[in-house]
Amino acid sequence: MEVFELNKVDSLASHFLSQLRDTKVQKDRLRFRTNVQRLGQIMAYEISKHLRYNATEIQTPIEATTEKVLQDAPAIITVLRAGLPYHQGFLNYFDQSDSGFIGAYRKEGEHEIAVHLEYLAAPSVEGRHVILVDPMLATGNSFLRSLKALQKHGKPAHVFLVALIAAPEGIQNIRNHADDNCSLWTVAIDKKLNDNFYIVPGLGDAGDLSFGDKL
């Protein structure tokens, strides 16, 4: 499985990620959501280089010319609720895309963590490019459960699994269990998971930081 890490090259993405991690900056929810959205836009641009285009004749005010136009907009599937600002970043660039939403939550046990899916609203993904958005790739189980749930909507041509931050353990889990038509895209790969299955150093709970603490 191909793994793309945006932080391997210096760019504004690193600047925005540093603000997402900073506990002082995190207190501003609007700024947090805006930076997540910005990173979604940057990642959308990177992924756009791997999609299909058609040469299309365009009439300018001066004369006709030919430009490459996106052949098919990818379907963007988002894991609620933390994925919403990231999802909006992708929609800002892929503005004709169909969207889907998956409701998932983690249930913590003494020695393991289980991921439960309770909601799925998605378009057909048969033969399409799909961008599956979840900000934090910790164990990788949310992505894997989401991929399994999407099977009832068809077999995609390719799935771009997209996270803000990924843990090595989650990446390996996806390598071991995801189909060959998947690639992983993340801004940064962090050190590890702690005993509570949170990414270290990570940035905290992306959903709470975007929308407020949940009961």
C-alpha atoms as a PDB file:
ATOM      1  CA  MET A   1       0.000   0.000   0.000  1.00  0.00           C
ATOM      2  CA  GLU A   2       1.308   3.399  -0.987  1.00  0.00           C
ATOM      3  CA  VAL A   3       1.695   5.854   1.917  1.00  0.00           C
ATOM      4  CA  PHE A   4       1.927   9.591   1.230  1.00  0.00           C
ATOM      5  CA  GLU A   5       3.169  11.832   4.087  1.00  0.00           C
ATOM      6  CA  LEU A   6       2.755  15.524   3.331  1.00  0.00           C
ATOM      7  CA  ASN A   7       5.173  16.634   6.066  1.00  0.00           C
ATOM      8  CA  LYS A   8       8.141  15.056   4.285  1.00  0.00           C
ATOM      9  CA  VAL A   9       8.391  18.278   2.296  1.00  0.00           C
ATOM     10  CA  ASP A  10       8.440  21.702   3.957  1.00  0.00           C
ATOM     11  CA  SER A  11       5.239  23.625   3.222  1.00  0.00           C
ATOM     12  CA  LEU A  12       2.474  25.661   4.826  1.00  0.00           C
ATOM     13  CA  ALA A  13       0.888  22.341   5.806  1.00  0.00           C
ATOM     14  CA  SER A  14       3.485  22.004   8.590  1.00  0.00           C
ATOM     15  CA  HIS A  15       2.671  25.531   9.764  1.00  0.00           C
ATOM     16  CA  PHE A  16      -1.064  24.786   9.955  1.00  0.00           C
ATOM     17  CA  LEU A  17      -0.431  21.443  11.690  1.00  0.00           C
ATOM     18  CA  SER A  18       1.751  23.135  14.317  1.00  0.00           C
ATOM     19  CA  GLN A  19      -1.191  25.382  15.214  1.00  0.00           C
ATOM     20  CA  LEU A  20      -3.520  22.378  15.460  1.00  0.00           C
ATOM     21  CA  ARG A  21      -1.171  20.765  17.979  1.00  0.00           C
ATOM     22  CA  ASP A  22      -0.527  23.914  20.072  1.00  0.00           C
ATOM     23  CA  THR A  23      -2.663  23.907  23.244  1.00  0.00           C
ATOM     24  CA  LYS A  24      -2.723  27.706  23.311  1.00  0.00           C
ATOM     25  CA  VAL A  25      -3.980  28.028  19.752  1.00  0.00           C
ATOM     26  CA  GLN A  26      -6.445  25.137  20.198  1.00  0.00           C
ATOM     27  CA  LYS A  27      -8.618  27.300  22.468  1.00  0.00           C
ATOM     28  CA  ASP A  28      -9.876  29.132  19.381  1.00  0.00           C
ATOM     29  CA  ARG A  29     -12.345  26.658  17.825  1.00  0.00           C
ATOM     30  CA  LEU A  30     -12.851  28.688  14.669  1.00  0.00           C
ATOM     31  CA  ARG A  31      -9.110  28.810  14.048  1.00  0.00           C
ATOM     32  CA  PHE A  32      -8.844  25.061  14.706  1.00  0.00           C
ATOM     33  CA  ARG A  33     -11.628  24.226  12.240  1.00  0.00           C
ATOM     34  CA  THR A  34     -10.207  26.651   9.682  1.00  0.00           C
ATOM     35  CA  ASN A  35      -6.765  25.056   9.839  1.00  0.00           C
ATOM     36  CA  VAL A  36      -8.256  21.573   9.489  1.00  0.00           C
ATOM     37  CA  GLN A  37     -10.181  22.817   6.456  1.00  0.00           C
ATOM     38  CA  ARG A  38      -7.024  24.352   4.983  1.00  0.00           C
ATOM     39  CA  LEU A  39      -5.192  21.045   5.331  1.00  0.00           C
ATOM     40  CA  GLY A  40      -8.119  19.338   3.605  1.00  0.00           C
ATOM     41  CA  GLN A  41      -7.710  21.727   0.685  1.00  0.00           C
ATOM     42  CA  ILE A  42      -3.965  21.108   0.486  1.00  0.00           C
ATOM     43  CA  MET A  43      -4.468  17.342   0.572  1.00  0.00           C
ATOM     44  CA  ALA A  44      -7.235  17.582  -2.021  1.00  0.00           C
ATOM     45  CA  TYR A  45      -4.771  19.290  -4.357  1.00  0.00           C
ATOM     46  CA  GLU A  46      -2.175  16.548  -3.792  1.00  0.00           C
ATOM     47  CA  ILE A  47      -4.720  13.806  -4.460  1.00  0.00           C
ATOM     48  CA  SER A  48      -5.975  15.630  -7.558  1.00  0.00           C
ATOM     49  CA  LYS A  49      -2.652  14.827  -9.240  1.00  0.00           C
ATOM     50  CA  HIS A  50      -3.632  11.140  -9.192  1.00  0.00           C
ATOM     51  CA  LEU A  51      -7.096  11.432 -10.749  1.00  0.00           C
ATOM     52  CA  ARG A  52      -8.202  11.135 -14.397  1.00  0.00           C
ATOM     53  CA  TYR A  53      -8.506  14.106 -16.766  1.00  0.00           C
ATOM     54  CA  ASN A  54      -9.849  14.679 -20.270  1.00  0.00           C
ATOM     55  CA  ALA A  55      -8.489  17.141 -22.806  1.00  0.00           C
ATOM     56  CA  THR A  56     -11.409  19.513 -23.408  1.00  0.00           C
ATOM     57  CA  GLU A  57     -11.832  22.385 -25.854  1.00  0.00           C
ATOM     58  CA  ILE A  58     -12.562  25.700 -24.103  1.00  0.00           C
ATOM     59  CA  GLN A  59     -13.691  28.864 -25.849  1.00  0.00           C
ATOM     60  CA  THR A  60     -11.990  31.965 -24.421  1.00  0.00           C
ATOM     61  CA  PRO A  61     -12.943  35.541 -25.441  1.00  0.00           C
ATOM     62  CA  ILE A  62      -9.978  35.451 -27.856  1.00  0.00           C
ATOM     63  CA  GLU A  63      -9.926  31.933 -29.326  1.00  0.00           C
ATOM     64  CA  ALA A  64     -10.491  28.275 -28.548  1.00  0.00           C
ATOM     65  CA  THR A  65      -7.919  26.393 -26.495  1.00  0.00           C
ATOM     66  CA  THR A  66      -7.576  22.960 -24.901  1.00  0.00           C
ATOM     67  CA  GLU A  67      -7.320  22.310 -21.175  1.00  0.00           C
ATOM     68  CA  LYS A  68      -7.354  19.186 -19.053  1.00  0.00           C
ATOM     69  CA  VAL A  69     -10.614  18.864 -17.133  1.00  0.00           C
ATOM     70  CA  LEU A  70     -11.340  16.465 -14.271  1.00  0.00           C
ATOM     71  CA  GLN A  71     -13.050  13.424 -15.776  1.00  0.00           C
ATOM     72  CA  ASP A  72     -15.072  12.318 -12.740  1.00  0.00           C
ATOM     73  CA  ALA A  73     -15.331  13.993  -9.343  1.00  0.00           C
ATOM     74  CA  PRO A  74     -14.405  11.589  -6.526  1.00  0.00           C
ATOM     75  CA  ALA A  75     -16.943  10.580  -3.901  1.00  0.00           C
ATOM     76  CA  ILE A  76     -15.982  12.003  -0.505  1.00  0.00           C
ATOM     77  CA  ILE A  77     -16.972   9.877   2.499  1.00  0.00           C
ATOM     78  CA  THR A  78     -16.502  11.318   5.976  1.00  0.00           C
ATOM     79  CA  VAL A  79     -16.461   9.775   9.440  1.00  0.00           C
ATOM     80  CA  LEU A  80     -18.595  11.887  11.801  1.00  0.00           C
ATOM     81  CA  ARG A  81     -18.227  14.166  13.635  1.00  0.00           C
ATOM     82  CA  ALA A  82     -14.526  14.977  13.704  1.00  0.00           C
ATOM     83  CA  GLY A  83     -14.195  14.650   9.942  1.00  0.00           C
ATOM     84  CA  LEU A  84     -16.577  17.483   9.045  1.00  0.00           C
ATOM     85  CA  PRO A  85     -14.069  20.396   8.804  1.00  0.00           C
ATOM     86  CA  TYR A  86     -11.581  18.183   6.938  1.00  0.00           C
ATOM     87  CA  HIS A  87     -14.395  17.078   4.631  1.00  0.00           C
ATOM     88  CA  GLN A  88     -15.275  20.704   3.873  1.00  0.00           C
ATOM     89  CA  GLY A  89     -11.700  21.347   2.771  1.00  0.00           C
ATOM     90  CA  PHE A  90     -12.007  18.588   0.186  1.00  0.00           C
ATOM     91  CA  LEU A  91     -15.425  19.841  -0.936  1.00  0.00           C
ATOM     92  CA  ASN A  92     -14.003  23.324  -1.479  1.00  0.00           C
ATOM     93  CA  TYR A  93     -11.805  21.862  -4.224  1.00  0.00           C
ATOM     94  CA  PHE A  94     -13.905  18.919  -5.437  1.00  0.00           C
ATOM     95  CA  ASP A  95     -17.027  21.068  -5.476  1.00  0.00           C
ATOM     96  CA  GLN A  96     -19.052  18.724  -7.704  1.00  0.00           C
ATOM     97  CA  SER A  97     -18.388  15.628  -5.607  1.00  0.00           C
ATOM     98  CA  ASP A  98     -21.028  13.411  -4.045  1.00  0.00           C
ATOM     99  CA  SER A  99     -20.678  13.113  -0.279  1.00  0.00           C
ATOM    100  CA  GLY A 100     -21.304  10.299   2.169  1.00  0.00           C
ATOM    101  CA  PHE A 101     -21.292  10.150   5.952  1.00  0.00           C
ATOM    102  CA  ILE A 102     -20.456   7.406   8.432  1.00  0.00           C
ATOM    103  CA  GLY A 103     -21.325   7.590  12.126  1.00  0.00           C
ATOM    104  CA  ALA A 104     -18.679   5.763  14.154  1.00  0.00           C
ATOM    105  CA  TYR A 105     -17.587   5.786  17.780  1.00  0.00           C
ATOM    106  CA  ARG A 106     -14.911   4.047  19.805  1.00  0.00           C
ATOM    107  CA  LYS A 107     -15.769   1.893  22.793  1.00  0.00           C
ATOM    108  CA  GLU A 108     -12.851   1.430  25.124  1.00  0.00           C
ATOM    109  CA  GLY A 109     -12.167  -1.795  26.992  1.00  0.00           C
ATOM    110  CA  GLU A 110      -9.485  -2.806  29.439  1.00  0.00           C
ATOM    111  CA  HIS A 111      -6.987  -4.059  26.879  1.00  0.00           C
ATOM    112  CA  GLU A 112      -8.502  -3.153  23.525  1.00  0.00           C
ATOM    113  CA  ILE A 113     -10.655  -0.685  21.665  1.00  0.00           C
ATOM    114  CA  ALA A 114     -13.640  -1.520  19.485  1.00  0.00           C
ATOM    115  CA  VAL A 115     -15.127   0.683  16.779  1.00  0.00           C
ATOM    116  CA  HIS A 116     -18.895   0.687  16.264  1.00  0.00           C
ATOM    117  CA  LEU A 117     -20.685   2.002  13.167  1.00  0.00           C
ATOM    118  CA  GLU A 118     -24.279   3.104  13.616  1.00  0.00           C
ATOM    119  CA  TYR A 119     -24.976   5.280  10.564  1.00  0.00           C
ATOM    120  CA  LEU A 120     -24.139   5.181   6.868  1.00  0.00           C
ATOM    121  CA  ALA A 121     -25.470   7.471   4.152  1.00  0.00           C
ATOM    122  CA  ALA A 122     -23.413   7.213   0.980  1.00  0.00           C
ATOM    123  CA  PRO A 123     -23.735   7.303  -2.818  1.00  0.00           C
ATOM    124  CA  SER A 124     -22.812   4.411  -5.079  1.00  0.00           C
ATOM    125  CA  VAL A 125     -19.036   3.962  -5.122  1.00  0.00           C
ATOM    126  CA  GLU A 126     -18.971   1.321  -7.862  1.00  0.00           C
ATOM    127  CA  GLY A 127     -15.967   1.907 -10.118  1.00  0.00           C
ATOM    128  CA  ARG A 128     -15.331   5.359  -8.627  1.00  0.00           C
ATOM    129  CA  HIS A 129     -12.449   7.082  -6.931  1.00  0.00           C
ATOM    130  CA  VAL A 130     -13.346   7.485  -3.255  1.00  0.00           C
ATOM    131  CA  ILE A 131     -11.775   9.761  -0.651  1.00  0.00           C
ATOM    132  CA  LEU A 132     -12.432   8.410   2.864  1.00  0.00           C
ATOM    133  CA  VAL A 133     -11.818  11.147   5.427  1.00  0.00           C
ATOM    134  CA  ASP A 134     -11.080  10.627   9.146  1.00  0.00           C
ATOM    135  CA  PRO A 135      -8.721  13.117  10.882  1.00  0.00           C
ATOM    136  CA  MET A 136      -7.002  10.699  13.264  1.00  0.00           C
ATOM    137  CA  LEU A 137      -5.675   7.303  12.187  1.00  0.00           C
ATOM    138  CA  ALA A 138      -4.936   5.626  15.529  1.00  0.00           C
ATOM    139  CA  THR A 139      -5.595   1.866  15.463  1.00  0.00           C
ATOM    140  CA  GLY A 140      -6.912   2.022  11.900  1.00  0.00           C
ATOM    141  CA  ASN A 141     -10.092   0.185  12.897  1.00  0.00           C
ATOM    142  CA  SER A 142     -12.394   3.098  11.971  1.00  0.00           C
ATOM    143  CA  PHE A 143     -11.042   3.085   8.426  1.00  0.00           C
ATOM    144  CA  LEU A 144     -11.300  -0.689   8.142  1.00  0.00           C
ATOM    145  CA  ARG A 145     -14.874  -0.797   9.475  1.00  0.00           C
ATOM    146  CA  SER A 146     -15.817   2.063   7.156  1.00  0.00           C
ATOM    147  CA  LEU A 147     -14.346   0.247   4.143  1.00  0.00           C
ATOM    148  CA  LYS A 148     -16.315  -2.856   5.028  1.00  0.00           C
ATOM    149  CA  ALA A 149     -19.540  -0.866   5.417  1.00  0.00           C
ATOM    150  CA  LEU A 150     -19.035   0.780   2.014  1.00  0.00           C
ATOM    151  CA  GLN A 151     -18.924  -2.614   0.285  1.00  0.00           C
ATOM    152  CA  LYS A 152     -22.732  -2.614   0.118  1.00  0.00           C
ATOM    153  CA  HIS A 153     -22.475   0.506  -2.096  1.00  0.00           C
ATOM    154  CA  GLY A 154     -20.147  -1.089  -4.651  1.00  0.00           C
ATOM    155  CA  LYS A 155     -16.467  -1.730  -5.324  1.00  0.00           C
ATOM    156  CA  PRO A 156     -14.439   1.471  -5.826  1.00  0.00           C
ATOM    157  CA  ALA A 157     -11.731   1.783  -8.453  1.00  0.00           C
ATOM    158  CA  HIS A 158      -9.490   3.267  -5.770  1.00  0.00           C
ATOM    159  CA  VAL A 159      -9.871   4.498  -2.187  1.00  0.00           C
ATOM    160  CA  PHE A 160      -7.742   7.330  -0.828  1.00  0.00           C
ATOM    161  CA  LEU A 161      -7.663   6.914   2.968  1.00  0.00           C
ATOM    162  CA  VAL A 162      -6.974  10.400   4.313  1.00  0.00           C
ATOM    163  CA  ALA A 163      -5.954  11.452   7.843  1.00  0.00           C
ATOM    164  CA  LEU A 164      -4.399  14.496   9.451  1.00  0.00           C
ATOM    165  CA  ILE A 165      -2.191  12.411  11.715  1.00  0.00           C
ATOM    166  CA  ALA A 166      -1.449   8.686  11.617  1.00  0.00           C
ATOM    167  CA  ALA A 167       0.140   6.253  14.068  1.00  0.00           C
ATOM    168  CA  PRO A 168       2.514   3.531  12.802  1.00  0.00           C
ATOM    169  CA  GLU A 169       0.381   0.828  14.440  1.00  0.00           C
ATOM    170  CA  GLY A 170      -2.700   1.964  12.536  1.00  0.00           C
ATOM    171  CA  ILE A 171      -0.820   2.126   9.262  1.00  0.00           C
ATOM    172  CA  GLN A 172       0.389  -1.447   9.726  1.00  0.00           C
ATOM    173  CA  ASN A 173      -3.132  -2.612  10.591  1.00  0.00           C
ATOM    174  CA  ILE A 174      -4.444  -1.139   7.346  1.00  0.00           C
ATOM    175  CA  ARG A 175      -1.546  -2.644   5.379  1.00  0.00           C
ATOM    176  CA  ASN A 176      -2.481  -6.047   6.791  1.00  0.00           C
ATOM    177  CA  HIS A 177      -6.220  -5.897   6.164  1.00  0.00           C
ATOM    178  CA  ALA A 178      -7.181  -3.336   3.486  1.00  0.00           C
ATOM    179  CA  ASP A 179      -7.611  -4.262  -0.169  1.00  0.00           C
ATOM    180  CA  ASP A 180      -4.970  -3.507  -2.779  1.00  0.00           C
ATOM    181  CA  ASN A 181      -7.054  -0.657  -4.232  1.00  0.00           C
ATOM    182  CA  CYS A 182      -6.287   1.579  -1.217  1.00  0.00           C
ATOM    183  CA  SER A 183      -3.613   4.185  -0.577  1.00  0.00           C
ATOM    184  CA  LEU A 184      -2.989   6.176   2.602  1.00  0.00           C
ATOM    185  CA  TRP A 185      -2.572   9.956   2.696  1.00  0.00           C
ATOM    186  CA  THR A 186      -1.632  11.833   5.867  1.00  0.00           C
ATOM    187  CA  VAL A 187      -0.078  15.129   6.878  1.00  0.00           C
ATOM    188  CA  ALA A 188       2.156  13.529   9.522  1.00  0.00           C
ATOM    189  CA  ILE A 189       3.086  10.103  10.885  1.00  0.00           C
ATOM    190  CA  ASP A 190       3.581  10.353  14.642  1.00  0.00           C
ATOM    191  CA  LYS A 191       5.593   8.185  17.038  1.00  0.00           C
ATOM    192  CA  LYS A 192       3.151   5.656  18.486  1.00  0.00           C
ATOM    193  CA  LEU A 193      -0.076   4.904  20.316  1.00  0.00           C
ATOM    194  CA  ASN A 194      -0.160   5.169  24.104  1.00  0.00           C
ATOM    195  CA  ASP A 195      -1.803   2.637  26.420  1.00  0.00           C
ATOM    196  CA  ASN A 196      -5.185   4.297  25.846  1.00  0.00           C
ATOM    197  CA  PHE A 197      -4.798   4.030  22.041  1.00  0.00           C
ATOM    198  CA  TYR A 198      -4.305   7.767  21.549  1.00  0.00           C
ATOM    199  CA  ILE A 199      -1.703   9.047  19.094  1.00  0.00           C
ATOM    200  CA  VAL A 200       1.534  10.422  20.598  1.00  0.00           C
ATOM    201  CA  PRO A 201       2.210  13.347  20.330  1.00  0.00           C
ATOM    202  CA  GLY A 202      -1.047  13.759  18.398  1.00  0.00           C
ATOM    203  CA  LEU A 203      -3.231  16.785  19.010  1.00  0.00           C
ATOM    204  CA  GLY A 204      -6.027  15.587  21.295  1.00  0.00           C
ATOM    205  CA  ASP A 205      -9.637  14.896  20.322  1.00  0.00           C
ATOM    206  CA  ALA A 206     -10.245  16.563  16.949  1.00  0.00           C
ATOM    207  CA  GLY A 207     -14.026  16.414  17.343  1.00  0.00           C
ATOM    208  CA  ASP A 208     -14.011  18.088  20.759  1.00  0.00           C
ATOM    209  CA  LEU A 209     -11.553  20.740  19.610  1.00  0.00           C
ATOM    210  CA  SER A 210     -13.735  21.526  16.595  1.00  0.00           C
ATOM    211  CA  PHE A 211     -17.178  21.453  18.205  1.00  0.00           C
ATOM    212  CA  GLY A 212     -16.852  21.277  22.002  1.00  0.00           C
ATOM    213  CA  ASP A 213     -16.690  18.556  24.633  1.00  0.00           C
ATOM    214  CA  LYS A 214     -19.217  15.726  24.452  1.00  0.00           C
ATOM    215  CA  LEU A 215     -20.889  14.048  27.430  1.00  0.00           C
END
